[in-house]
Amino acid sequence: MYPPRYLWRGDRPRTQVRRLLARTRAMVLSSLSEGGANVISEAVAAGLPVLASRIDGSVGLLGRDYPGYFPVGNTAALAQLLRRLETNPDFLARLRRAIARRALLFRPAREKAVWQALIRELAPKSRLARAGDGARQARKPDQGTVAP
């Protein structure tokens, strides 16, 4: 008997996931609904092509024009993509190129820089708002300001 071509692995510790991704040719995310699956981020960081149901979370991570989508719940379309992946080296190469184009978005240094920029953008506004609140509270009613 031949070994199975597709295996359901279930929940695994992060170290096992990384080892599995390194040995894997592609990954399937067949979610019906997802806010942005961590496993897609892990796959992209590992350079691993993904076949994913076309849901908002996956489109947000992989981009609208990613070639590895199939309609939600459509197992025939997924089977067709799996066959194409196995038999068409050009399709596999296209998926790999698409993943490589997204890889920069998933680098920890970039994510940290984006968060820092967002915090810098919001922090001055928060300080000004807090300073304004403090200034109002510090005024005395006899200075023409109504007490809160």
C-alpha atoms as a PDB file:
ATOM      1  CA  MET A   1       0.000   0.000   0.000  1.00  0.00           C
ATOM      2  CA  TYR A   2       1.158   3.528  -0.783  1.00  0.00           C
ATOM      3  CA  PRO A   3       1.579   6.085   1.990  1.00  0.00           C
ATOM      4  CA  PRO A   4      -1.151   8.747   2.048  1.00  0.00           C
ATOM      5  CA  ARG A   5      -0.420  11.870   0.001  1.00  0.00           C
ATOM      6  CA  TYR A   6      -2.373  14.159   2.315  1.00  0.00           C
ATOM      7  CA  LEU A   7      -2.290  14.006   6.100  1.00  0.00           C
ATOM      8  CA  TRP A   8      -4.361  15.757   8.729  1.00  0.00           C
ATOM      9  CA  ARG A   9      -1.939  16.615  11.510  1.00  0.00           C
ATOM     10  CA  GLY A  10      -4.248  18.326  14.006  1.00  0.00           C
ATOM     11  CA  ASP A  11      -2.885  20.641  16.693  1.00  0.00           C
ATOM     12  CA  ARG A  12       0.891  20.577  17.054  1.00  0.00           C
ATOM     13  CA  PRO A  13       3.454  22.507  19.128  1.00  0.00           C
ATOM     14  CA  ARG A  14       5.167  25.383  17.310  1.00  0.00           C
ATOM     15  CA  THR A  15       8.508  23.561  16.990  1.00  0.00           C
ATOM     16  CA  GLN A  16       6.791  20.597  15.323  1.00  0.00           C
ATOM     17  CA  VAL A  17       4.882  22.930  13.012  1.00  0.00           C
ATOM     18  CA  ARG A  18       8.113  24.527  11.816  1.00  0.00           C
ATOM     19  CA  ARG A  19       9.725  21.145  11.178  1.00  0.00           C
ATOM     20  CA  LEU A  20       6.647  19.918   9.308  1.00  0.00           C
ATOM     21  CA  LEU A  21       6.425  23.053   7.199  1.00  0.00           C
ATOM     22  CA  ALA A  22      10.086  22.697   6.224  1.00  0.00           C
ATOM     23  CA  ARG A  23       9.362  19.208   4.812  1.00  0.00           C
ATOM     24  CA  THR A  24       6.047  20.066   3.187  1.00  0.00           C
ATOM     25  CA  ARG A  25       5.362  20.918  -0.441  1.00  0.00           C
ATOM     26  CA  ALA A  26       2.171  22.930   0.195  1.00  0.00           C
ATOM     27  CA  MET A  27      -0.442  23.562   2.855  1.00  0.00           C
ATOM     28  CA  VAL A  28      -4.255  23.626   2.721  1.00  0.00           C
ATOM     29  CA  LEU A  29      -6.383  25.954   4.808  1.00  0.00           C
ATOM     30  CA  SER A  30      -9.975  24.900   4.215  1.00  0.00           C
ATOM     31  CA  SER A  31     -11.615  27.151   6.798  1.00  0.00           C
ATOM     32  CA  LEU A  32     -15.205  28.271   6.412  1.00  0.00           C
ATOM     33  CA  SER A  33     -14.463  31.423   8.400  1.00  0.00           C
ATOM     34  CA  GLU A  34     -11.210  32.762   9.817  1.00  0.00           C
ATOM     35  CA  GLY A  35      -9.971  36.144  10.959  1.00  0.00           C
ATOM     36  CA  GLY A  36      -6.448  35.636   9.661  1.00  0.00           C
ATOM     37  CA  ALA A  37      -4.941  32.243  10.380  1.00  0.00           C
ATOM     38  CA  ASN A  38      -1.544  32.175  12.082  1.00  0.00           C
ATOM     39  CA  VAL A  39      -0.697  29.093  10.050  1.00  0.00           C
ATOM     40  CA  ILE A  40      -0.793  31.209   6.861  1.00  0.00           C
ATOM     41  CA  SER A  41       1.748  33.585   8.408  1.00  0.00           C
ATOM     42  CA  GLU A  42       3.903  30.612   9.382  1.00  0.00           C
ATOM     43  CA  ALA A  43       3.629  29.106   5.901  1.00  0.00           C
ATOM     44  CA  VAL A  44       4.543  32.374   4.192  1.00  0.00           C
ATOM     45  CA  ALA A  45       7.509  32.855   6.538  1.00  0.00           C
ATOM     46  CA  ALA A  46       8.635  29.321   5.614  1.00  0.00           C
ATOM     47  CA  GLY A  47       8.151  29.964   1.869  1.00  0.00           C
ATOM     48  CA  LEU A  48       5.439  27.316   1.702  1.00  0.00           C
ATOM     49  CA  PRO A  49       2.656  27.651  -0.890  1.00  0.00           C
ATOM     50  CA  VAL A  50      -0.869  27.679   0.494  1.00  0.00           C
ATOM     51  CA  LEU A  51      -4.139  26.505  -0.992  1.00  0.00           C
ATOM     52  CA  ALA A  52      -6.846  28.385   0.887  1.00  0.00           C
ATOM     53  CA  SER A  53     -10.565  28.874   0.867  1.00  0.00           C
ATOM     54  CA  ARG A  54     -11.357  32.379  -0.353  1.00  0.00           C
ATOM     55  CA  ILE A  55     -12.329  33.993   2.943  1.00  0.00           C
ATOM     56  CA  ASP A  56     -11.623  37.522   4.123  1.00  0.00           C
ATOM     57  CA  GLY A  57      -8.880  36.526   6.562  1.00  0.00           C
ATOM     58  CA  SER A  58      -6.922  34.597   3.930  1.00  0.00           C
ATOM     59  CA  VAL A  59      -7.382  37.302   1.303  1.00  0.00           C
ATOM     60  CA  GLY A  60      -6.150  39.858   3.824  1.00  0.00           C
ATOM     61  CA  LEU A  61      -2.969  37.851   4.384  1.00  0.00           C
ATOM     62  CA  LEU A  62      -2.287  36.478   0.895  1.00  0.00           C
ATOM     63  CA  GLY A  63      -3.695  39.274  -1.265  1.00  0.00           C
ATOM     64  CA  ARG A  64      -6.635  39.446  -3.659  1.00  0.00           C
ATOM     65  CA  ASP A  65      -4.727  38.129  -6.657  1.00  0.00           C
ATOM     66  CA  TYR A  66      -3.202  35.074  -4.940  1.00  0.00           C
ATOM     67  CA  PRO A  67      -3.589  32.083  -7.315  1.00  0.00           C
ATOM     68  CA  GLY A  68      -4.214  29.384  -4.688  1.00  0.00           C
ATOM     69  CA  TYR A  69      -7.794  30.129  -3.655  1.00  0.00           C
ATOM     70  CA  PHE A  70     -10.836  27.910  -3.957  1.00  0.00           C
ATOM     71  CA  PRO A  71     -14.474  28.708  -3.096  1.00  0.00           C
ATOM     72  CA  VAL A  72     -15.495  28.081   0.519  1.00  0.00           C
ATOM     73  CA  GLY A  73     -16.726  24.525   1.017  1.00  0.00           C
ATOM     74  CA  ASN A  74     -16.024  23.492  -2.586  1.00  0.00           C
ATOM     75  CA  THR A  75     -14.088  20.238  -2.186  1.00  0.00           C
ATOM     76  CA  ALA A  76     -14.135  19.587  -5.940  1.00  0.00           C
ATOM     77  CA  ALA A  77     -12.346  22.902  -6.552  1.00  0.00           C
ATOM     78  CA  LEU A  78      -9.828  22.073  -3.812  1.00  0.00           C
ATOM     79  CA  ALA A  79      -9.231  18.631  -5.358  1.00  0.00           C
ATOM     80  CA  GLN A  80      -8.650  20.296  -8.725  1.00  0.00           C
ATOM     81  CA  LEU A  81      -6.078  22.678  -7.193  1.00  0.00           C
ATOM     82  CA  LEU A  82      -4.341  19.768  -5.441  1.00  0.00           C
ATOM     83  CA  ARG A  83      -4.111  17.849  -8.729  1.00  0.00           C
ATOM     84  CA  ARG A  84      -2.819  20.957 -10.465  1.00  0.00           C
ATOM     85  CA  LEU A  85      -0.229  21.428  -7.733  1.00  0.00           C
ATOM     86  CA  GLU A  86       0.968  17.837  -8.142  1.00  0.00           C
ATOM     87  CA  THR A  87       1.028  17.753 -11.937  1.00  0.00           C
ATOM     88  CA  ASN A  88       1.826  21.299 -13.049  1.00  0.00           C
ATOM     89  CA  PRO A  89       5.288  22.563 -12.033  1.00  0.00           C
ATOM     90  CA  ASP A  90       4.468  26.000 -13.465  1.00  0.00           C
ATOM     91  CA  PHE A  91       1.505  26.338 -11.092  1.00  0.00           C
ATOM     92  CA  LEU A  92       3.660  25.353  -8.113  1.00  0.00           C
ATOM     93  CA  ALA A  93       6.281  27.891  -9.198  1.00  0.00           C
ATOM     94  CA  ARG A  94       3.579  30.567  -9.537  1.00  0.00           C
ATOM     95  CA  LEU A  95       2.363  29.848  -5.999  1.00  0.00           C
ATOM     96  CA  ARG A  96       5.926  30.003  -4.671  1.00  0.00           C
ATOM     97  CA  ARG A  97       6.523  33.369  -6.376  1.00  0.00           C
ATOM     98  CA  ALA A  98       3.281  34.744  -4.932  1.00  0.00           C
ATOM     99  CA  ILE A  99       4.281  33.574  -1.443  1.00  0.00           C
ATOM    100  CA  ALA A 100       7.771  35.059  -1.839  1.00  0.00           C
ATOM    101  CA  ARG A 101       6.228  38.444  -2.741  1.00  0.00           C
ATOM    102  CA  ARG A 102       4.274  38.416   0.550  1.00  0.00           C
ATOM    103  CA  ALA A 103       7.130  37.153   2.762  1.00  0.00           C
ATOM    104  CA  LEU A 104       8.416  40.615   3.706  1.00  0.00           C
ATOM    105  CA  LEU A 105       5.044  41.397   5.286  1.00  0.00           C
ATOM    106  CA  PHE A 106       5.505  38.558   7.782  1.00  0.00           C
ATOM    107  CA  ARG A 107       9.033  39.291   9.003  1.00  0.00           C
ATOM    108  CA  PRO A 108       9.145  40.005  12.743  1.00  0.00           C
ATOM    109  CA  ALA A 109      11.347  43.096  12.270  1.00  0.00           C
ATOM    110  CA  ARG A 110       8.816  44.625   9.875  1.00  0.00           C
ATOM    111  CA  GLU A 111       5.909  43.823  12.144  1.00  0.00           C
ATOM    112  CA  LYS A 112       7.731  45.447  15.068  1.00  0.00           C
ATOM    113  CA  ALA A 113       8.513  48.554  12.988  1.00  0.00           C
ATOM    114  CA  VAL A 114       4.888  48.888  11.859  1.00  0.00           C
ATOM    115  CA  TRP A 115       3.640  48.600  15.438  1.00  0.00           C
ATOM    116  CA  GLN A 116       6.180  51.176  16.621  1.00  0.00           C
ATOM    117  CA  ALA A 117       5.139  53.598  13.864  1.00  0.00           C
ATOM    118  CA  LEU A 118       1.479  53.177  14.774  1.00  0.00           C
ATOM    119  CA  ILE A 119       2.206  53.787  18.465  1.00  0.00           C
ATOM    120  CA  ARG A 120       4.277  56.895  17.621  1.00  0.00           C
ATOM    121  CA  GLU A 121       1.429  58.140  15.457  1.00  0.00           C
ATOM    122  CA  LEU A 122      -1.184  57.625  18.166  1.00  0.00           C
ATOM    123  CA  ALA A 123       0.874  58.513  21.259  1.00  0.00           C
ATOM    124  CA  PRO A 124       1.193  62.280  20.645  1.00  0.00           C
ATOM    125  CA  LYS A 125      -2.552  62.509  20.097  1.00  0.00           C
ATOM    126  CA  SER A 126      -3.177  60.651  23.350  1.00  0.00           C
ATOM    127  CA  ARG A 127      -0.760  62.882  25.269  1.00  0.00           C
ATOM    128  CA  LEU A 128      -2.424  66.023  23.889  1.00  0.00           C
ATOM    129  CA  ALA A 129      -5.850  64.713  24.806  1.00  0.00           C
ATOM    130  CA  ARG A 130      -4.704  63.838  28.331  1.00  0.00           C
ATOM    131  CA  ALA A 131      -2.945  67.210  28.711  1.00  0.00           C
ATOM    132  CA  GLY A 132      -6.117  68.989  27.620  1.00  0.00           C
ATOM    133  CA  ASP A 133      -8.176  67.064  30.171  1.00  0.00           C
ATOM    134  CA  GLY A 134      -5.673  67.879  32.896  1.00  0.00           C
ATOM    135  CA  ALA A 135      -5.611  71.550  31.981  1.00  0.00           C
ATOM    136  CA  ARG A 136      -9.406  71.761  32.201  1.00  0.00           C
ATOM    137  CA  GLN A 137      -9.440  70.082  35.583  1.00  0.00           C
ATOM    138  CA  ALA A 138      -6.608  72.272  36.913  1.00  0.00           C
ATOM    139  CA  ARG A 139      -8.499  75.531  36.239  1.00  0.00           C
ATOM    140  CA  LYS A 140     -10.497  77.042  39.041  1.00  0.00           C
ATOM    141  CA  PRO A 141     -14.134  77.997  38.514  1.00  0.00           C
ATOM    142  CA  ASP A 142     -13.330  81.642  39.262  1.00  0.00           C
ATOM    143  CA  GLN A 143     -11.111  81.750  36.141  1.00  0.00           C
ATOM    144  CA  GLY A 144     -14.126  81.680  33.852  1.00  0.00           C
ATOM    145  CA  THR A 145     -14.284  77.908  33.455  1.00  0.00           C
ATOM    146  CA  VAL A 146     -17.189  75.787  34.556  1.00  0.00           C
ATOM    147  CA  ALA A 147     -16.140  73.081  36.975  1.00  0.00           C
ATOM    148  CA  PRO A 148     -16.780  69.516  35.802  1.00  0.00           C
END
